[in-house]
Structure formats: C-alpha cells, structure tokens
Amino acid sequence: MRQLCIGPQMSDGFPVLLLVMAAAAFLCRAAGFTLMRLVPVSARVEAALRATPLAVMAGIAALALAQGGPAEALALGVVVVLTRLIGSDVAAALLGVALVAALRWMGV
C-alpha cells in the first residue's frame, strides 16, 4: 500500500544541511564586511553596490515570471506601476504578493 505524501519529505540529514547552509550564508556576509574594510570605495564600487539590490530583485522577478503563469505576469506589471506611483518598492512588492495570492485564490 502506498502512503500519501503531502509535501516534501524531510531526510535525516536535513538539520545538518540546514546548519551548513546557514554557516555558508554567515561566512559570505562576514567575508563581505571584512573585505569592504580593505577595498577603497571609489565611485565605481559605490555604483556597483547601489545596483546590486535592483539586480537581485530583477533576477527574482525574472525567475518568477519564467516559472509562473498569468497571475505572476499580471502582478509583476502591477508592481512596476505601483513602485512608480507610491515610491516604495517594498510596499509595491508586498502588494504584488497579495495580488498573486488573490489571483490564485480566484483560479487565475
């Protein structure tokens, strides 16, 4: 008899993997702060640092758009418009998440 599996199964090694990933994330952050003490902040470095959050958000949005459906595409368009209107990318992103949830609830 087959068991009904709802959601992914957690393996015995999951806590170890989680700790390794958390340690890797911490070391990346700590190394970034440490290296930035050694790197002189020129105009070019400052421009790169300012562009990084936008690049990360664009990558996340592109992935959601590529793997999503019409709900994600519509929400992304709404988020772009809301960002321009209200001036807060965080608020626009939260409203976009709410819009995707509402659209999926409606079956879109």
PDB file of N, CA and C in Angstrom:
ATOM      1  N   MET A   1       0.843  -1.178   0.000  1.00  0.00           N
ATOM      2  CA  MET A   1       0.000   0.000   0.000  1.00  0.00           C
ATOM      3  C   MET A   1       0.887   1.240   0.000  1.00  0.00           C
ATOM      4  N   ARG A   2       0.579   2.188  -0.873  1.00  0.00           N
ATOM      5  CA  ARG A   2       1.357   3.423  -0.972  1.00  0.00           C
ATOM      6  C   ARG A   2       0.868   4.428   0.056  1.00  0.00           C
ATOM      7  N   GLN A   3       1.813   5.167   0.603  1.00  0.00           N
ATOM      8  CA  GLN A   3       1.450   6.238   1.524  1.00  0.00           C
ATOM      9  C   GLN A   3       1.222   7.515   0.744  1.00  0.00           C
ATOM     10  N   LEU A   4       0.266   8.279   1.195  1.00  0.00           N
ATOM     11  CA  LEU A   4       0.017   9.579   0.582  1.00  0.00           C
ATOM     12  C   LEU A   4       1.028  10.566   1.150  1.00  0.00           C
ATOM     13  N   CYS A   5       1.808  11.161   0.277  1.00  0.00           N
ATOM     14  CA  CYS A   5       2.843  12.112   0.692  1.00  0.00           C
ATOM     15  C   CYS A   5       2.377  13.519   0.352  1.00  0.00           C
ATOM     16  N   ILE A   6       2.204  14.312   1.363  1.00  0.00           N
ATOM     17  CA  ILE A   6       1.817  15.715   1.160  1.00  0.00           C
ATOM     18  C   ILE A   6       3.025  16.564   1.496  1.00  0.00           C
ATOM     19  N   GLY A   7       3.605  17.149   0.485  1.00  0.00           N
ATOM     20  CA  GLY A   7       4.784  17.980   0.686  1.00  0.00           C
ATOM     21  C   GLY A   7       6.052  17.146   0.655  1.00  0.00           C
ATOM     22  N   PRO A   8       7.191  17.813   0.662  1.00  0.00           N
ATOM     23  CA  PRO A   8       8.461  17.097   0.592  1.00  0.00           C
ATOM     24  C   PRO A   8       8.774  16.386   1.905  1.00  0.00           C
ATOM     25  N   GLN A   9       9.449  15.252   1.792  1.00  0.00           N
ATOM     26  CA  GLN A   9       9.870  14.510   2.970  1.00  0.00           C
ATOM     27  C   GLN A   9      11.154  15.119   3.526  1.00  0.00           C
ATOM     28  N   MET A  10      11.273  15.145   4.861  1.00  0.00           N
ATOM     29  CA  MET A  10      12.486  15.665   5.473  1.00  0.00           C
ATOM     30  C   MET A  10      13.392  14.486   5.777  1.00  0.00           C
ATOM     31  N   SER A  11      14.596  14.511   5.243  1.00  0.00           N
ATOM     32  CA  SER A  11      15.531  13.422   5.462  1.00  0.00           C
ATOM     33  C   SER A  11      16.239  13.616   6.797  1.00  0.00           C
ATOM     34  N   ASP A  12      16.946  12.568   7.205  1.00  0.00           N
ATOM     35  CA  ASP A  12      17.683  12.631   8.473  1.00  0.00           C
ATOM     36  C   ASP A  12      18.823  13.631   8.422  1.00  0.00           C
ATOM     37  N   GLY A  13      19.360  13.874   7.220  1.00  0.00           N
ATOM     38  CA  GLY A  13      20.472  14.805   7.085  1.00  0.00           C
ATOM     39  C   GLY A  13      20.054  16.255   6.937  1.00  0.00           C
ATOM     40  N   PHE A  14      18.754  16.533   6.949  1.00  0.00           N
ATOM     41  CA  PHE A  14      18.283  17.907   6.738  1.00  0.00           C
ATOM     42  C   PHE A  14      18.818  18.891   7.775  1.00  0.00           C
ATOM     43  N   PRO A  15      18.781  18.574   9.081  1.00  0.00           N
ATOM     44  CA  PRO A  15      19.323  19.555  10.048  1.00  0.00           C
ATOM     45  C   PRO A  15      20.791  19.878   9.796  1.00  0.00           C
ATOM     46  N   VAL A  16      21.565  18.897   9.386  1.00  0.00           N
ATOM     47  CA  VAL A  16      22.986  19.150   9.100  1.00  0.00           C
ATOM     48  C   VAL A  16      23.111  20.056   7.877  1.00  0.00           C
ATOM     49  N   LEU A  17      22.345  19.756   6.829  1.00  0.00           N
ATOM     50  CA  LEU A  17      22.374  20.594   5.639  1.00  0.00           C
ATOM     51  C   LEU A  17      21.948  22.023   5.955  1.00  0.00           C
ATOM     52  N   LEU A  18      20.944  22.164   6.790  1.00  0.00           N
ATOM     53  CA  LEU A  18      20.474  23.496   7.179  1.00  0.00           C
ATOM     54  C   LEU A  18      21.565  24.263   7.920  1.00  0.00           C
ATOM     55  N   LEU A  19      22.257  23.598   8.818  1.00  0.00           N
ATOM     56  CA  LEU A  19      23.348  24.256   9.545  1.00  0.00           C
ATOM     57  C   LEU A  19      24.496  24.641   8.609  1.00  0.00           C
ATOM     58  N   VAL A  20      24.821  23.768   7.656  1.00  0.00           N
ATOM     59  CA  VAL A  20      25.890  24.070   6.706  1.00  0.00           C
ATOM     60  C   VAL A  20      25.513  25.276   5.846  1.00  0.00           C
ATOM     61  N   MET A  21      24.255  25.321   5.381  1.00  0.00           N
ATOM     62  CA  MET A  21      23.813  26.456   4.564  1.00  0.00           C
ATOM     63  C   MET A  21      23.798  27.753   5.380  1.00  0.00           C
ATOM     64  N   ALA A  22      23.372  27.671   6.644  1.00  0.00           N
ATOM     65  CA  ALA A  22      23.369  28.862   7.498  1.00  0.00           C
ATOM     66  C   ALA A  22      24.797  29.346   7.744  1.00  0.00           C
ATOM     67  N   ALA A  23      25.717  28.409   7.962  1.00  0.00           N
ATOM     68  CA  ALA A  23      27.120  28.785   8.179  1.00  0.00           C
ATOM     69  C   ALA A  23      27.708  29.413   6.915  1.00  0.00           C
ATOM     70  N   ALA A  24      27.377  28.846   5.754  1.00  0.00           N
ATOM     71  CA  ALA A  24      27.885  29.401   4.496  1.00  0.00           C
ATOM     72  C   ALA A  24      27.341  30.811   4.278  1.00  0.00           C
ATOM     73  N   ALA A  25      26.061  31.022   4.564  1.00  0.00           N
ATOM     74  CA  ALA A  25      25.478  32.353   4.406  1.00  0.00           C
ATOM     75  C   ALA A  25      26.147  33.345   5.354  1.00  0.00           C
ATOM     76  N   PHE A  26      26.365  32.928   6.607  1.00  0.00           N
ATOM     77  CA  PHE A  26      27.017  33.812   7.570  1.00  0.00           C
ATOM     78  C   PHE A  26      28.441  34.147   7.137  1.00  0.00           C
ATOM     79  N   LEU A  27      29.173  33.138   6.677  1.00  0.00           N
ATOM     80  CA  LEU A  27      30.553  33.390   6.253  1.00  0.00           C
ATOM     81  C   LEU A  27      30.609  34.319   5.045  1.00  0.00           C
ATOM     82  N   CYS A  28      29.663  34.175   4.121  1.00  0.00           N
ATOM     83  CA  CYS A  28      29.625  35.091   2.976  1.00  0.00           C
ATOM     84  C   CYS A  28      29.388  36.527   3.437  1.00  0.00           C
ATOM     85  N   ARG A  29      28.452  36.701   4.374  1.00  0.00           N
ATOM     86  CA  ARG A  29      28.182  38.057   4.886  1.00  0.00           C
ATOM     87  C   ARG A  29      29.392  38.612   5.626  1.00  0.00           C
ATOM     88  N   ALA A  30      29.974  37.796   6.499  1.00  0.00           N
ATOM     89  CA  ALA A  30      31.131  38.249   7.283  1.00  0.00           C
ATOM     90  C   ALA A  30      32.310  38.569   6.374  1.00  0.00           C
ATOM     91  N   ALA A  31      32.520  37.737   5.346  1.00  0.00           N
ATOM     92  CA  ALA A  31      33.622  37.993   4.420  1.00  0.00           C
ATOM     93  C   ALA A  31      33.384  39.292   3.655  1.00  0.00           C
ATOM     94  N   GLY A  32      32.133  39.558   3.295  1.00  0.00           N
ATOM     95  CA  GLY A  32      31.823  40.802   2.589  1.00  0.00           C
ATOM     96  C   GLY A  32      32.149  42.020   3.429  1.00  0.00           C
ATOM     97  N   PHE A  33      31.724  41.996   4.688  1.00  0.00           N
ATOM     98  CA  PHE A  33      32.016  43.125   5.576  1.00  0.00           C
ATOM     99  C   PHE A  33      33.519  43.267   5.799  1.00  0.00           C
ATOM    100  N   THR A  34      34.208  42.142   5.966  1.00  0.00           N
ATOM    101  CA  THR A  34      35.653  42.184   6.197  1.00  0.00           C
ATOM    102  C   THR A  34      36.389  42.722   4.971  1.00  0.00           C
ATOM    103  N   LEU A  35      36.028  42.225   3.789  1.00  0.00           N
ATOM    104  CA  LEU A  35      36.702  42.677   2.574  1.00  0.00           C
ATOM    105  C   LEU A  35      36.408  44.140   2.264  1.00  0.00           C
ATOM    106  N   MET A  36      35.224  44.616   2.612  1.00  0.00           N
ATOM    107  CA  MET A  36      34.898  46.013   2.328  1.00  0.00           C
ATOM    108  C   MET A  36      35.724  46.972   3.172  1.00  0.00           C
ATOM    109  N   ARG A  37      36.280  46.484   4.258  1.00  0.00           N
ATOM    110  CA  ARG A  37      37.192  47.332   5.027  1.00  0.00           C
ATOM    111  C   ARG A  37      38.506  47.526   4.289  1.00  0.00           C
ATOM    112  N   LEU A  38      38.843  46.565   3.422  1.00  0.00           N
ATOM    113  CA  LEU A  38      40.114  46.610   2.709  1.00  0.00           C
ATOM    114  C   LEU A  38      40.007  47.274   1.337  1.00  0.00           C
ATOM    115  N   VAL A  39      38.789  47.311   0.775  1.00  0.00           N
ATOM    116  CA  VAL A  39      38.593  47.847  -0.561  1.00  0.00           C
ATOM    117  C   VAL A  39      38.252  49.332  -0.468  1.00  0.00           C
ATOM    118  N   PRO A  40      39.007  50.196  -1.130  1.00  0.00           N
ATOM    119  CA  PRO A  40      38.637  51.603  -1.118  1.00  0.00           C
ATOM    120  C   PRO A  40      37.355  51.809  -1.932  1.00  0.00           C
ATOM    121  N   VAL A  41      36.446  52.600  -1.378  1.00  0.00           N
ATOM    122  CA  VAL A  41      35.151  52.817  -2.029  1.00  0.00           C
ATOM    123  C   VAL A  41      35.298  53.945  -3.037  1.00  0.00           C
ATOM    124  N   SER A  42      35.486  53.543  -4.278  1.00  0.00           N
ATOM    125  CA  SER A  42      35.559  54.518  -5.366  1.00  0.00           C
ATOM    126  C   SER A  42      34.152  54.732  -5.911  1.00  0.00           C
ATOM    127  N   ALA A  43      34.027  55.623  -6.845  1.00  0.00           N
ATOM    128  CA  ALA A  43      32.715  55.879  -7.453  1.00  0.00           C
ATOM    129  C   ALA A  43      32.197  54.634  -8.161  1.00  0.00           C
ATOM    130  N   ARG A  44      33.087  53.890  -8.779  1.00  0.00           N
ATOM    131  CA  ARG A  44      32.692  52.672  -9.488  1.00  0.00           C
ATOM    132  C   ARG A  44      32.203  51.600  -8.514  1.00  0.00           C
ATOM    133  N   VAL A  45      32.896  51.410  -7.401  1.00  0.00           N
ATOM    134  CA  VAL A  45      32.483  50.428  -6.390  1.00  0.00           C
ATOM    135  C   VAL A  45      31.146  50.843  -5.785  1.00  0.00           C
ATOM    136  N   GLU A  46      30.995  52.119  -5.495  1.00  0.00           N
ATOM    137  CA  GLU A  46      29.731  52.604  -4.929  1.00  0.00           C
ATOM    138  C   GLU A  46      28.571  52.391  -5.903  1.00  0.00           C
ATOM    139  N   ALA A  47      28.796  52.625  -7.169  1.00  0.00           N
ATOM    140  CA  ALA A  47      27.745  52.400  -8.172  1.00  0.00           C
ATOM    141  C   ALA A  47      27.370  50.923  -8.233  1.00  0.00           C
ATOM    142  N   ALA A  48      28.360  50.040  -8.148  1.00  0.00           N
ATOM    143  CA  ALA A  48      28.079  48.601  -8.167  1.00  0.00           C
ATOM    144  C   ALA A  48      27.276  48.186  -6.937  1.00  0.00           C
ATOM    145  N   LEU A  49      27.629  48.732  -5.780  1.00  0.00           N
ATOM    146  CA  LEU A  49      26.907  48.405  -4.550  1.00  0.00           C
ATOM    147  C   LEU A  49      25.472  48.921  -4.598  1.00  0.00           C
ATOM    148  N   ARG A  50      25.272  50.079  -5.193  1.00  0.00           N
ATOM    149  CA  ARG A  50      23.909  50.616  -5.310  1.00  0.00           C
ATOM    150  C   ARG A  50      23.056  49.818  -6.299  1.00  0.00           C
ATOM    151  N   ALA A  51      23.683  49.226  -7.305  1.00  0.00           N
ATOM    152  CA  ALA A  51      22.942  48.479  -8.327  1.00  0.00           C
ATOM    153  C   ALA A  51      22.626  47.051  -7.905  1.00  0.00           C
ATOM    154  N   THR A  52      23.306  46.542  -6.904  1.00  0.00           N
ATOM    155  CA  THR A  52      23.134  45.138  -6.518  1.00  0.00           C
ATOM    156  C   THR A  52      21.708  44.794  -6.097  1.00  0.00           C
ATOM    157  N   PRO A  53      21.037  45.560  -5.221  1.00  0.00           N
ATOM    158  CA  PRO A  53      19.666  45.173  -4.842  1.00  0.00           C
ATOM    159  C   PRO A  53      18.716  45.105  -6.034  1.00  0.00           C
ATOM    160  N   LEU A  54      18.838  46.033  -6.967  1.00  0.00           N
ATOM    161  CA  LEU A  54      17.991  46.015  -8.153  1.00  0.00           C
ATOM    162  C   LEU A  54      18.272  44.781  -9.003  1.00  0.00           C
ATOM    163  N   ALA A  55      19.537  44.409  -9.120  1.00  0.00           N
ATOM    164  CA  ALA A  55      19.892  43.224  -9.898  1.00  0.00           C
ATOM    165  C   ALA A  55      19.332  41.956  -9.257  1.00  0.00           C
ATOM    166  N   VAL A  56      19.395  41.873  -7.937  1.00  0.00           N
ATOM    167  CA  VAL A  56      18.841  40.708  -7.235  1.00  0.00           C
ATOM    168  C   VAL A  56      17.325  40.643  -7.422  1.00  0.00           C
ATOM    169  N   MET A  57      16.640  41.775  -7.266  1.00  0.00           N
ATOM    170  CA  MET A  57      15.187  41.795  -7.448  1.00  0.00           C
ATOM    171  C   MET A  57      14.811  41.450  -8.889  1.00  0.00           C
ATOM    172  N   ALA A  58      15.584  41.916  -9.858  1.00  0.00           N
ATOM    173  CA  ALA A  58      15.304  41.596 -11.260  1.00  0.00           C
ATOM    174  C   ALA A  58      15.475  40.100 -11.512  1.00  0.00           C
ATOM    175  N   GLY A  59      16.475  39.500 -10.907  1.00  0.00           N
ATOM    176  CA  GLY A  59      16.671  38.056 -11.049  1.00  0.00           C
ATOM    177  C   GLY A  59      15.525  37.262 -10.441  1.00  0.00           C
ATOM    178  N   ILE A  60      15.068  37.675  -9.269  1.00  0.00           N
ATOM    179  CA  ILE A  60      13.941  37.002  -8.625  1.00  0.00           C
ATOM    180  C   ILE A  60      12.679  37.165  -9.459  1.00  0.00           C
ATOM    181  N   ALA A  61      12.443  38.372  -9.952  1.00  0.00           N
ATOM    182  CA  ALA A  61      11.245  38.629 -10.760  1.00  0.00           C
ATOM    183  C   ALA A  61      11.303  37.857 -12.073  1.00  0.00           C
ATOM    184  N   ALA A  62      12.467  37.779 -12.704  1.00  0.00           N
ATOM    185  CA  ALA A  62      12.590  37.046 -13.965  1.00  0.00           C
ATOM    186  C   ALA A  62      12.325  35.561 -13.758  1.00  0.00           C
ATOM    187  N   LEU A  63      12.830  35.012 -12.670  1.00  0.00           N
ATOM    188  CA  LEU A  63      12.586  33.603 -12.368  1.00  0.00           C
ATOM    189  C   LEU A  63      11.108  33.351 -12.111  1.00  0.00           C
ATOM    190  N   ALA A  64      10.461  34.220 -11.338  1.00  0.00           N
ATOM    191  CA  ALA A  64       9.027  34.071 -11.071  1.00  0.00           C
ATOM    192  C   ALA A  64       8.223  34.198 -12.354  1.00  0.00           C
ATOM    193  N   LEU A  65       8.625  35.094 -13.217  1.00  0.00           N
ATOM    194  CA  LEU A  65       7.923  35.282 -14.485  1.00  0.00           C
ATOM    195  C   LEU A  65       8.110  34.074 -15.404  1.00  0.00           C
ATOM    196  N   ALA A  66       9.315  33.526 -15.431  1.00  0.00           N
ATOM    197  CA  ALA A  66       9.601  32.379 -16.294  1.00  0.00           C
ATOM    198  C   ALA A  66       8.882  31.118 -15.826  1.00  0.00           C
ATOM    199  N   GLN A  67       8.788  30.927 -14.514  1.00  0.00           N
ATOM    200  CA  GLN A  67       8.178  29.707 -13.984  1.00  0.00           C
ATOM    201  C   GLN A  67       6.717  29.888 -13.614  1.00  0.00           C
ATOM    202  N   GLY A  68       6.246  31.112 -13.574  1.00  0.00           N
ATOM    203  CA  GLY A  68       4.880  31.375 -13.160  1.00  0.00           C
ATOM    204  C   GLY A  68       3.919  31.370 -14.322  1.00  0.00           C
ATOM    205  N   GLY A  69       2.746  31.852 -14.028  1.00  0.00           N
ATOM    206  CA  GLY A  69       1.704  31.905 -15.031  1.00  0.00           C
ATOM    207  C   GLY A  69       1.190  33.320 -15.195  1.00  0.00           C
ATOM    208  N   PRO A  70      -0.061  33.433 -15.603  1.00  0.00           N
ATOM    209  CA  PRO A  70      -0.635  34.766 -15.824  1.00  0.00           C
ATOM    210  C   PRO A  70      -0.750  35.588 -14.537  1.00  0.00           C
ATOM    211  N   ALA A  71      -0.956  34.929 -13.402  1.00  0.00           N
ATOM    212  CA  ALA A  71      -1.066  35.668 -12.132  1.00  0.00           C
ATOM    213  C   ALA A  71       0.238  36.398 -11.826  1.00  0.00           C
ATOM    214  N   GLU A  72       1.360  35.709 -12.006  1.00  0.00           N
ATOM    215  CA  GLU A  72       2.658  36.325 -11.727  1.00  0.00           C
ATOM    216  C   GLU A  72       2.973  37.433 -12.719  1.00  0.00           C
ATOM    217  N   ALA A  73       2.648  37.210 -13.984  1.00  0.00           N
ATOM    218  CA  ALA A  73       2.911  38.233 -15.006  1.00  0.00           C
ATOM    219  C   ALA A  73       2.106  39.495 -14.733  1.00  0.00           C
ATOM    220  N   LEU A  74       0.829  39.322 -14.395  1.00  0.00           N
ATOM    221  CA  LEU A  74      -0.012  40.477 -14.081  1.00  0.00           C
ATOM    222  C   LEU A  74       0.496  41.201 -12.834  1.00  0.00           C
ATOM    223  N   ALA A  75       0.837  40.435 -11.812  1.00  0.00           N
ATOM    224  CA  ALA A  75       1.326  41.044 -10.569  1.00  0.00           C
ATOM    225  C   ALA A  75       2.631  41.798 -10.790  1.00  0.00           C
ATOM    226  N   LEU A  76       3.511  41.269 -11.626  1.00  0.00           N
ATOM    227  CA  LEU A  76       4.772  41.960 -11.891  1.00  0.00           C
ATOM    228  C   LEU A  76       4.522  43.309 -12.557  1.00  0.00           C
ATOM    229  N   GLY A  77       3.604  43.334 -13.511  1.00  0.00           N
ATOM    230  CA  GLY A  77       3.250  44.604 -14.144  1.00  0.00           C
ATOM    231  C   GLY A  77       2.660  45.589 -13.158  1.00  0.00           C
ATOM    232  N   VAL A  78       1.799  45.093 -12.268  1.00  0.00           N
ATOM    233  CA  VAL A  78       1.186  45.955 -11.252  1.00  0.00           C
ATOM    234  C   VAL A  78       2.249  46.480 -10.291  1.00  0.00           C
ATOM    235  N   VAL A  79       3.210  45.637  -9.926  1.00  0.00           N
ATOM    236  CA  VAL A  79       4.276  46.063  -9.005  1.00  0.00           C
ATOM    237  C   VAL A  79       5.118  47.174  -9.631  1.00  0.00           C
ATOM    238  N   VAL A  80       5.418  47.057 -10.913  1.00  0.00           N
ATOM    239  CA  VAL A  80       6.195  48.109 -11.583  1.00  0.00           C
ATOM    240  C   VAL A  80       5.438  49.431 -11.540  1.00  0.00           C
ATOM    241  N   VAL A  81       4.145  49.392 -11.850  1.00  0.00           N
ATOM    242  CA  VAL A  81       3.334  50.619 -11.835  1.00  0.00           C
ATOM    243  C   VAL A  81       3.221  51.169 -10.410  1.00  0.00           C
ATOM    244  N   LEU A  82       2.969  50.276  -9.429  1.00  0.00           N
ATOM    245  CA  LEU A  82       2.835  50.735  -8.040  1.00  0.00           C
ATOM    246  C   LEU A  82       4.132  51.338  -7.512  1.00  0.00           C
ATOM    247  N   THR A  83       5.248  50.763  -7.908  1.00  0.00           N
ATOM    248  CA  THR A  83       6.533  51.309  -7.456  1.00  0.00           C
ATOM    249  C   THR A  83       6.691  52.745  -7.925  1.00  0.00           C
ATOM    250  N   ARG A  84       6.317  53.013  -9.157  1.00  0.00           N
ATOM    251  CA  ARG A  84       6.403  54.379  -9.685  1.00  0.00           C
ATOM    252  C   ARG A  84       5.398  55.301  -9.002  1.00  0.00           C
ATOM    253  N   LEU A  85       4.189  54.787  -8.707  1.00  0.00           N
ATOM    254  CA  LEU A  85       3.141  55.630  -8.119  1.00  0.00           C
ATOM    255  C   LEU A  85       3.382  55.939  -6.647  1.00  0.00           C
ATOM    256  N   ILE A  86       3.686  54.899  -5.849  1.00  0.00           N
ATOM    257  CA  ILE A  86       3.803  55.131  -4.405  1.00  0.00           C
ATOM    258  C   ILE A  86       5.236  55.358  -3.952  1.00  0.00           C
ATOM    259  N   GLY A  87       6.211  55.026  -4.796  1.00  0.00           N
ATOM    260  CA  GLY A  87       7.602  55.320  -4.481  1.00  0.00           C
ATOM    261  C   GLY A  87       8.252  54.360  -3.503  1.00  0.00           C
ATOM    262  N   SER A  88       7.574  53.284  -3.146  1.00  0.00           N
ATOM    263  CA  SER A  88       8.147  52.317  -2.207  1.00  0.00           C
ATOM    264  C   SER A  88       8.165  50.948  -2.870  1.00  0.00           C
ATOM    265  N   ASP A  89       9.371  50.450  -3.163  1.00  0.00           N
ATOM    266  CA  ASP A  89       9.452  49.144  -3.799  1.00  0.00           C
ATOM    267  C   ASP A  89       9.046  48.012  -2.869  1.00  0.00           C
ATOM    268  N   VAL A  90       9.295  48.174  -1.566  1.00  0.00           N
ATOM    269  CA  VAL A  90       8.911  47.142  -0.602  1.00  0.00           C
ATOM    270  C   VAL A  90       7.390  47.039  -0.510  1.00  0.00           C
ATOM    271  N   ALA A  91       6.723  48.171  -0.378  1.00  0.00           N
ATOM    272  CA  ALA A  91       5.250  48.162  -0.312  1.00  0.00           C
ATOM    273  C   ALA A  91       4.649  47.621  -1.597  1.00  0.00           C
ATOM    274  N   ALA A  92       5.222  47.997  -2.730  1.00  0.00           N
ATOM    275  CA  ALA A  92       4.722  47.503  -4.015  1.00  0.00           C
ATOM    276  C   ALA A  92       4.914  45.989  -4.120  1.00  0.00           C
ATOM    277  N   ALA A  93       6.053  45.480  -3.658  1.00  0.00           N
ATOM    278  CA  ALA A  93       6.307  44.037  -3.699  1.00  0.00           C
ATOM    279  C   ALA A  93       5.324  43.286  -2.809  1.00  0.00           C
ATOM    280  N   LEU A  94       5.056  43.822  -1.624  1.00  0.00           N
ATOM    281  CA  LEU A  94       4.086  43.178  -0.727  1.00  0.00           C
ATOM    282  C   LEU A  94       2.688  43.174  -1.334  1.00  0.00           C
ATOM    283  N   LEU A  95       2.320  44.262  -1.959  1.00  0.00           N
ATOM    284  CA  LEU A  95       1.020  44.312  -2.631  1.00  0.00           C
ATOM    285  C   LEU A  95       0.986  43.342  -3.811  1.00  0.00           C
ATOM    286  N   GLY A  96       2.106  43.173  -4.493  1.00  0.00           N
ATOM    287  CA  GLY A  96       2.185  42.213  -5.586  1.00  0.00           C
ATOM    288  C   GLY A  96       2.014  40.783  -5.105  1.00  0.00           C
ATOM    289  N   VAL A  97       2.615  40.461  -3.967  1.00  0.00           N
ATOM    290  CA  VAL A  97       2.438  39.128  -3.379  1.00  0.00           C
ATOM    291  C   VAL A  97       0.976  38.901  -3.021  1.00  0.00           C
ATOM    292  N   ALA A  98       0.347  39.909  -2.430  1.00  0.00           N
ATOM    293  CA  ALA A  98      -1.076  39.795  -2.097  1.00  0.00           C
ATOM    294  C   ALA A  98      -1.919  39.621  -3.356  1.00  0.00           C
ATOM    295  N   LEU A  99      -1.548  40.312  -4.420  1.00  0.00           N
ATOM    296  CA  LEU A  99      -2.281  40.191  -5.675  1.00  0.00           C
ATOM    297  C   LEU A  99      -2.149  38.789  -6.258  1.00  0.00           C
ATOM    298  N   VAL A 100      -0.939  38.219  -6.233  1.00  0.00           N
ATOM    299  CA  VAL A 100      -0.748  36.852  -6.733  1.00  0.00           C
ATOM    300  C   VAL A 100      -1.589  35.874  -5.908  1.00  0.00           C
ATOM    301  N   ALA A 101      -1.585  36.045  -4.578  1.00  0.00           N
ATOM    302  CA  ALA A 101      -2.383  35.158  -3.727  1.00  0.00           C
ATOM    303  C   ALA A 101      -3.870  35.280  -4.068  1.00  0.00           C
ATOM    304  N   ALA A 102      -4.345  36.497  -4.259  1.00  0.00           N
ATOM    305  CA  ALA A 102      -5.761  36.700  -4.586  1.00  0.00           C
ATOM    306  C   ALA A 102      -6.092  36.110  -5.958  1.00  0.00           C
ATOM    307  N   LEU A 103      -5.221  36.313  -6.929  1.00  0.00           N
ATOM    308  CA  LEU A 103      -5.464  35.774  -8.268  1.00  0.00           C
ATOM    309  C   LEU A 103      -5.457  34.250  -8.267  1.00  0.00           C
ATOM    310  N   ARG A 104      -4.556  33.656  -7.531  1.00  0.00           N
ATOM    311  CA  ARG A 104      -4.538  32.205  -7.446  1.00  0.00           C
ATOM    312  C   ARG A 104      -5.775  31.684  -6.725  1.00  0.00           C
ATOM    313  N   TRP A 105      -6.231  32.398  -5.704  1.00  0.00           N
ATOM    314  CA  TRP A 105      -7.430  32.003  -4.984  1.00  0.00           C
ATOM    315  C   TRP A 105      -8.639  32.048  -5.919  1.00  0.00           C
ATOM    316  N   MET A 106      -8.624  33.005  -6.853  1.00  0.00           N
ATOM    317  CA  MET A 106      -9.719  33.112  -7.820  1.00  0.00           C
ATOM    318  C   MET A 106      -9.564  32.122  -8.973  1.00  0.00           C
ATOM    319  N   GLY A 107      -8.443  31.401  -9.016  1.00  0.00           N
ATOM    320  CA  GLY A 107      -8.265  30.389 -10.047  1.00  0.00           C
ATOM    321  C   GLY A 107      -7.546  30.872 -11.291  1.00  0.00           C
ATOM    322  N   VAL A 108      -6.933  32.026 -11.240  1.00  0.00           N
ATOM    323  CA  VAL A 108      -6.201  32.548 -12.405  1.00  0.00           C
ATOM    324  C   VAL A 108      -4.847  31.891 -12.499  1.00  0.00           C
TER     325      VAL A 108
END
